[in-house]
Amino acid sequence: MTQKELADRLAGTRLPVAYRAFRTRQAPPYICYLYAYDTKFFADDAMYFSAGHYQVELYTSVKSPDMESVVEDALTGLNWEKTEEYLASEKLYQILYEIEV
């Protein structure tokens, strides 16, 4: 999967989506995603496989399992881990999905 294919999947949620950050203030709910790092698999002095790791961040003003389900449906077929944090200074919930593509 490419970064564009990931962006297309996220756009299918019908939520506002931006790479890393929006240029102007955005009312929640919205999604930001970004490239985090690469994992490479080496054997016999050769690289056999490289996987990009991305973070998909869902921001909501209230805890919303329904919005989380929308994002999780878009990530169907991908390996992902999920964490949650409340950003008190922003008064927002951040649901972070770490995925490998």
N, C-alpha and C. Protein backbone atom coordinates (compact mmCIF):
# COMPACT_ATOMS: atom_id res chain seq x y z
N MET A 1 0.84 -1.18 0.00
CA MET A 1 0.00 0.00 0.00
C MET A 1 0.89 1.24 0.00
N THR A 2 0.47 2.23 -0.75
CA THR A 2 1.21 3.49 -0.81
C THR A 2 0.58 4.52 0.12
N GLN A 3 1.30 5.62 0.31
CA GLN A 3 0.76 6.70 1.13
C GLN A 3 -0.52 7.25 0.51
N LYS A 4 -0.56 7.33 -0.82
CA LYS A 4 -1.77 7.82 -1.49
C LYS A 4 -2.95 6.88 -1.25
N GLU A 5 -2.71 5.59 -1.30
CA GLU A 5 -3.79 4.63 -1.04
C GLU A 5 -4.30 4.76 0.39
N LEU A 6 -3.40 4.99 1.34
CA LEU A 6 -3.83 5.23 2.72
C LEU A 6 -4.67 6.50 2.79
N ALA A 7 -4.22 7.56 2.14
CA ALA A 7 -4.97 8.82 2.13
C ALA A 7 -6.35 8.62 1.53
N ASP A 8 -6.44 7.84 0.46
CA ASP A 8 -7.74 7.57 -0.17
C ASP A 8 -8.67 6.82 0.77
N ARG A 9 -8.13 5.84 1.49
CA ARG A 9 -8.95 5.09 2.46
C ARG A 9 -9.48 6.04 3.53
N LEU A 10 -8.61 6.91 4.04
CA LEU A 10 -9.03 7.83 5.09
C LEU A 10 -10.04 8.84 4.56
N ALA A 11 -9.88 9.28 3.32
CA ALA A 11 -10.84 10.20 2.71
C ALA A 11 -12.22 9.55 2.61
N GLY A 12 -12.25 8.23 2.49
CA GLY A 12 -13.51 7.51 2.42
C GLY A 12 -14.32 7.56 3.71
N THR A 13 -13.71 8.02 4.80
CA THR A 13 -14.44 8.15 6.07
C THR A 13 -15.38 9.35 6.06
N ARG A 14 -15.17 10.26 5.09
CA ARG A 14 -15.93 11.50 4.98
C ARG A 14 -15.64 12.47 6.12
N LEU A 15 -14.57 12.22 6.85
CA LEU A 15 -14.09 13.17 7.85
C LEU A 15 -13.01 14.02 7.20
N PRO A 16 -12.81 15.25 7.67
CA PRO A 16 -11.69 16.04 7.14
C PRO A 16 -10.37 15.31 7.43
N VAL A 17 -9.49 15.26 6.43
CA VAL A 17 -8.21 14.53 6.54
C VAL A 17 -7.08 15.44 6.07
N ALA A 18 -5.97 15.42 6.81
CA ALA A 18 -4.78 16.17 6.40
C ALA A 18 -3.54 15.36 6.74
N TYR A 19 -2.50 15.57 5.94
CA TYR A 19 -1.20 14.98 6.26
C TYR A 19 -0.55 15.87 7.31
N ARG A 20 -0.20 15.31 8.43
CA ARG A 20 0.46 15.94 9.58
C ARG A 20 -0.42 16.96 10.29
N ALA A 21 -0.87 18.02 9.61
CA ALA A 21 -1.67 19.06 10.27
C ALA A 21 -2.45 19.85 9.23
N PHE A 22 -3.54 20.44 9.66
CA PHE A 22 -4.31 21.33 8.80
C PHE A 22 -3.65 22.70 8.79
N ARG A 23 -3.80 23.43 7.71
CA ARG A 23 -3.23 24.78 7.62
C ARG A 23 -4.02 25.79 8.44
N THR A 24 -5.31 25.52 8.61
CA THR A 24 -6.16 26.39 9.42
C THR A 24 -6.81 25.54 10.51
N ARG A 25 -7.29 26.20 11.54
CA ARG A 25 -7.93 25.50 12.66
C ARG A 25 -9.12 24.69 12.14
N GLN A 26 -9.23 23.47 12.63
CA GLN A 26 -10.26 22.54 12.18
C GLN A 26 -11.16 22.16 13.35
N ALA A 27 -12.46 22.18 13.13
CA ALA A 27 -13.39 21.73 14.17
C ALA A 27 -13.43 20.20 14.16
N PRO A 28 -13.39 19.57 15.34
CA PRO A 28 -13.46 18.11 15.41
C PRO A 28 -14.85 17.61 15.04
N PRO A 29 -14.95 16.37 14.59
CA PRO A 29 -13.90 15.37 14.45
C PRO A 29 -13.12 15.55 13.15
N TYR A 30 -11.85 15.15 13.20
CA TYR A 30 -11.00 15.18 12.02
C TYR A 30 -9.87 14.18 12.18
N ILE A 31 -9.17 13.92 11.07
CA ILE A 31 -8.08 12.94 11.04
C ILE A 31 -6.81 13.61 10.53
N CYS A 32 -5.70 13.34 11.19
CA CYS A 32 -4.38 13.68 10.67
C CYS A 32 -3.60 12.36 10.58
N TYR A 33 -2.77 12.26 9.56
CA TYR A 33 -1.92 11.07 9.45
C TYR A 33 -0.52 11.52 9.07
N LEU A 34 0.47 10.70 9.43
CA LEU A 34 1.85 11.04 9.10
C LEU A 34 2.72 9.81 9.08
N TYR A 35 3.79 9.91 8.31
CA TYR A 35 4.79 8.85 8.24
C TYR A 35 5.60 8.91 9.53
N ALA A 36 5.80 7.76 10.18
CA ALA A 36 6.55 7.72 11.44
C ALA A 36 7.96 7.16 11.25
N TYR A 37 8.07 5.98 10.65
CA TYR A 37 9.39 5.37 10.45
C TYR A 37 9.26 4.17 9.52
N ASP A 38 10.39 3.60 9.18
CA ASP A 38 10.47 2.45 8.29
C ASP A 38 11.07 1.27 9.04
N THR A 39 10.57 0.07 8.78
CA THR A 39 11.18 -1.15 9.30
C THR A 39 11.71 -1.93 8.10
N LYS A 40 12.93 -2.36 8.21
CA LYS A 40 13.55 -3.12 7.12
C LYS A 40 13.91 -4.51 7.62
N PHE A 41 13.68 -5.51 6.77
CA PHE A 41 14.03 -6.89 7.09
C PHE A 41 15.24 -7.28 6.25
N PHE A 42 16.32 -7.61 6.95
CA PHE A 42 17.57 -8.00 6.29
C PHE A 42 17.86 -9.47 6.56
N ALA A 43 18.44 -10.12 5.57
CA ALA A 43 18.95 -11.49 5.72
C ALA A 43 20.01 -11.71 4.66
N ASP A 44 21.05 -12.42 5.03
CA ASP A 44 22.13 -12.73 4.09
C ASP A 44 22.68 -11.46 3.42
N ASP A 45 22.87 -10.43 4.23
CA ASP A 45 23.43 -9.16 3.75
C ASP A 45 22.60 -8.49 2.65
N ALA A 46 21.31 -8.75 2.63
CA ALA A 46 20.44 -8.12 1.65
C ALA A 46 19.13 -7.70 2.31
N MET A 47 18.58 -6.58 1.85
CA MET A 47 17.28 -6.15 2.37
C MET A 47 16.19 -6.84 1.55
N TYR A 48 15.35 -7.59 2.24
CA TYR A 48 14.28 -8.32 1.57
C TYR A 48 12.95 -7.58 1.59
N PHE A 49 12.75 -6.77 2.62
CA PHE A 49 11.43 -6.17 2.78
C PHE A 49 11.55 -4.87 3.56
N SER A 50 10.77 -3.90 3.17
CA SER A 50 10.71 -2.62 3.88
C SER A 50 9.24 -2.27 4.09
N ALA A 51 8.89 -1.89 5.31
CA ALA A 51 7.51 -1.53 5.62
C ALA A 51 7.47 -0.15 6.25
N GLY A 52 6.62 0.71 5.71
CA GLY A 52 6.43 2.04 6.27
C GLY A 52 5.43 1.99 7.42
N HIS A 53 5.72 2.73 8.45
CA HIS A 53 4.82 2.83 9.60
C HIS A 53 4.23 4.24 9.63
N TYR A 54 2.94 4.30 9.74
CA TYR A 54 2.22 5.57 9.76
C TYR A 54 1.42 5.68 11.05
N GLN A 55 1.16 6.92 11.44
CA GLN A 55 0.26 7.20 12.55
C GLN A 55 -0.98 7.85 11.96
N VAL A 56 -2.13 7.32 12.32
CA VAL A 56 -3.41 7.91 11.95
C VAL A 56 -4.02 8.40 13.25
N GLU A 57 -4.29 9.70 13.32
CA GLU A 57 -4.78 10.31 14.56
C GLU A 57 -6.20 10.83 14.34
N LEU A 58 -7.12 10.31 15.13
CA LEU A 58 -8.51 10.78 15.12
C LEU A 58 -8.68 11.73 16.30
N TYR A 59 -9.18 12.92 16.04
CA TYR A 59 -9.42 13.91 17.09
C TYR A 59 -10.92 14.15 17.20
N THR A 60 -11.43 14.05 18.44
CA THR A 60 -12.85 14.30 18.71
C THR A 60 -12.98 15.13 19.98
N SER A 61 -14.07 15.87 20.10
CA SER A 61 -14.29 16.66 21.31
C SER A 61 -14.95 15.85 22.41
N VAL A 62 -15.58 14.73 22.05
CA VAL A 62 -16.16 13.80 23.02
C VAL A 62 -15.73 12.39 22.63
N LYS A 63 -15.69 11.50 23.59
CA LYS A 63 -15.36 10.10 23.29
C LYS A 63 -16.42 9.56 22.34
N SER A 64 -15.97 9.04 21.19
CA SER A 64 -16.92 8.63 20.16
C SER A 64 -16.56 7.27 19.57
N PRO A 65 -17.06 6.19 20.17
CA PRO A 65 -16.83 4.87 19.59
C PRO A 65 -17.32 4.76 18.15
N ASP A 66 -18.37 5.50 17.79
CA ASP A 66 -18.87 5.46 16.42
C ASP A 66 -17.84 6.00 15.44
N MET A 67 -17.20 7.12 15.78
CA MET A 67 -16.15 7.69 14.92
C MET A 67 -14.95 6.75 14.84
N GLU A 68 -14.62 6.12 15.96
CA GLU A 68 -13.51 5.16 15.97
C GLU A 68 -13.81 4.00 15.03
N SER A 69 -15.05 3.54 15.03
CA SER A 69 -15.45 2.44 14.14
C SER A 69 -15.32 2.83 12.68
N VAL A 70 -15.63 4.08 12.36
CA VAL A 70 -15.51 4.57 10.99
C VAL A 70 -14.05 4.48 10.54
N VAL A 71 -13.13 4.94 11.40
CA VAL A 71 -11.71 4.88 11.06
C VAL A 71 -11.25 3.43 10.98
N GLU A 72 -11.66 2.61 11.94
CA GLU A 72 -11.23 1.21 11.96
C GLU A 72 -11.74 0.46 10.73
N ASP A 73 -12.93 0.80 10.26
CA ASP A 73 -13.44 0.20 9.02
C ASP A 73 -12.54 0.56 7.84
N ALA A 74 -12.05 1.80 7.82
CA ALA A 74 -11.16 2.24 6.73
C ALA A 74 -9.82 1.51 6.78
N LEU A 75 -9.43 1.05 7.96
CA LEU A 75 -8.14 0.37 8.13
C LEU A 75 -8.26 -1.16 8.02
N THR A 76 -9.43 -1.65 7.64
CA THR A 76 -9.64 -3.09 7.50
C THR A 76 -8.58 -3.70 6.58
N GLY A 77 -8.01 -4.80 7.02
CA GLY A 77 -7.00 -5.50 6.24
C GLY A 77 -5.57 -5.06 6.54
N LEU A 78 -5.42 -4.03 7.36
CA LEU A 78 -4.09 -3.56 7.77
C LEU A 78 -3.82 -3.97 9.21
N ASN A 79 -2.55 -4.12 9.54
CA ASN A 79 -2.18 -4.36 10.94
C ASN A 79 -2.11 -3.02 11.65
N TRP A 80 -2.82 -2.89 12.78
CA TRP A 80 -2.78 -1.64 13.51
C TRP A 80 -2.90 -1.88 15.00
N GLU A 81 -2.37 -0.92 15.74
CA GLU A 81 -2.48 -0.86 17.20
C GLU A 81 -3.15 0.46 17.54
N LYS A 82 -3.87 0.51 18.64
CA LYS A 82 -4.65 1.70 18.99
C LYS A 82 -4.34 2.13 20.42
N THR A 83 -4.15 3.44 20.61
CA THR A 83 -4.02 4.03 21.94
C THR A 83 -4.90 5.27 22.00
N GLU A 84 -5.15 5.73 23.21
CA GLU A 84 -6.02 6.89 23.40
C GLU A 84 -5.40 7.83 24.42
N GLU A 85 -5.60 9.12 24.19
CA GLU A 85 -5.12 10.13 25.13
C GLU A 85 -6.09 11.30 25.11
N TYR A 86 -6.27 11.92 26.29
CA TYR A 86 -7.06 13.15 26.35
C TYR A 86 -6.10 14.31 26.42
N LEU A 87 -6.22 15.23 25.48
CA LEU A 87 -5.36 16.41 25.42
C LEU A 87 -6.07 17.54 26.15
N ALA A 88 -5.79 17.68 27.44
CA ALA A 88 -6.52 18.63 28.29
C ALA A 88 -6.40 20.06 27.79
N SER A 89 -5.22 20.45 27.33
CA SER A 89 -5.03 21.83 26.88
C SER A 89 -5.86 22.15 25.64
N GLU A 90 -6.15 21.13 24.84
CA GLU A 90 -6.95 21.30 23.62
C GLU A 90 -8.41 20.90 23.83
N LYS A 91 -8.67 20.21 24.95
CA LYS A 91 -10.00 19.66 25.23
C LYS A 91 -10.45 18.73 24.10
N LEU A 92 -9.52 17.85 23.70
CA LEU A 92 -9.77 16.90 22.62
C LEU A 92 -9.31 15.50 23.02
N TYR A 93 -10.01 14.51 22.49
CA TYR A 93 -9.54 13.13 22.58
C TYR A 93 -8.72 12.85 21.33
N GLN A 94 -7.59 12.19 21.53
CA GLN A 94 -6.76 11.76 20.41
C GLN A 94 -6.73 10.24 20.43
N ILE A 95 -7.26 9.64 19.38
CA ILE A 95 -7.19 8.20 19.21
C ILE A 95 -6.11 7.96 18.17
N LEU A 96 -5.05 7.27 18.57
CA LEU A 96 -3.89 7.06 17.71
C LEU A 96 -3.87 5.63 17.21
N TYR A 97 -3.84 5.48 15.90
CA TYR A 97 -3.70 4.17 15.26
C TYR A 97 -2.31 4.12 14.66
N GLU A 98 -1.52 3.14 15.05
CA GLU A 98 -0.20 2.93 14.47
C GLU A 98 -0.34 1.77 13.49
N ILE A 99 -0.02 2.03 12.22
CA ILE A 99 -0.23 1.02 11.19
C ILE A 99 1.04 0.79 10.40
N GLU A 100 1.11 -0.39 9.79
CA GLU A 100 2.23 -0.76 8.94
C GLU A 100 1.69 -0.97 7.54
N VAL A 101 2.30 -0.31 6.57
CA VAL A 101 1.85 -0.48 5.18
C VAL A 101 3.03 -0.86 4.30
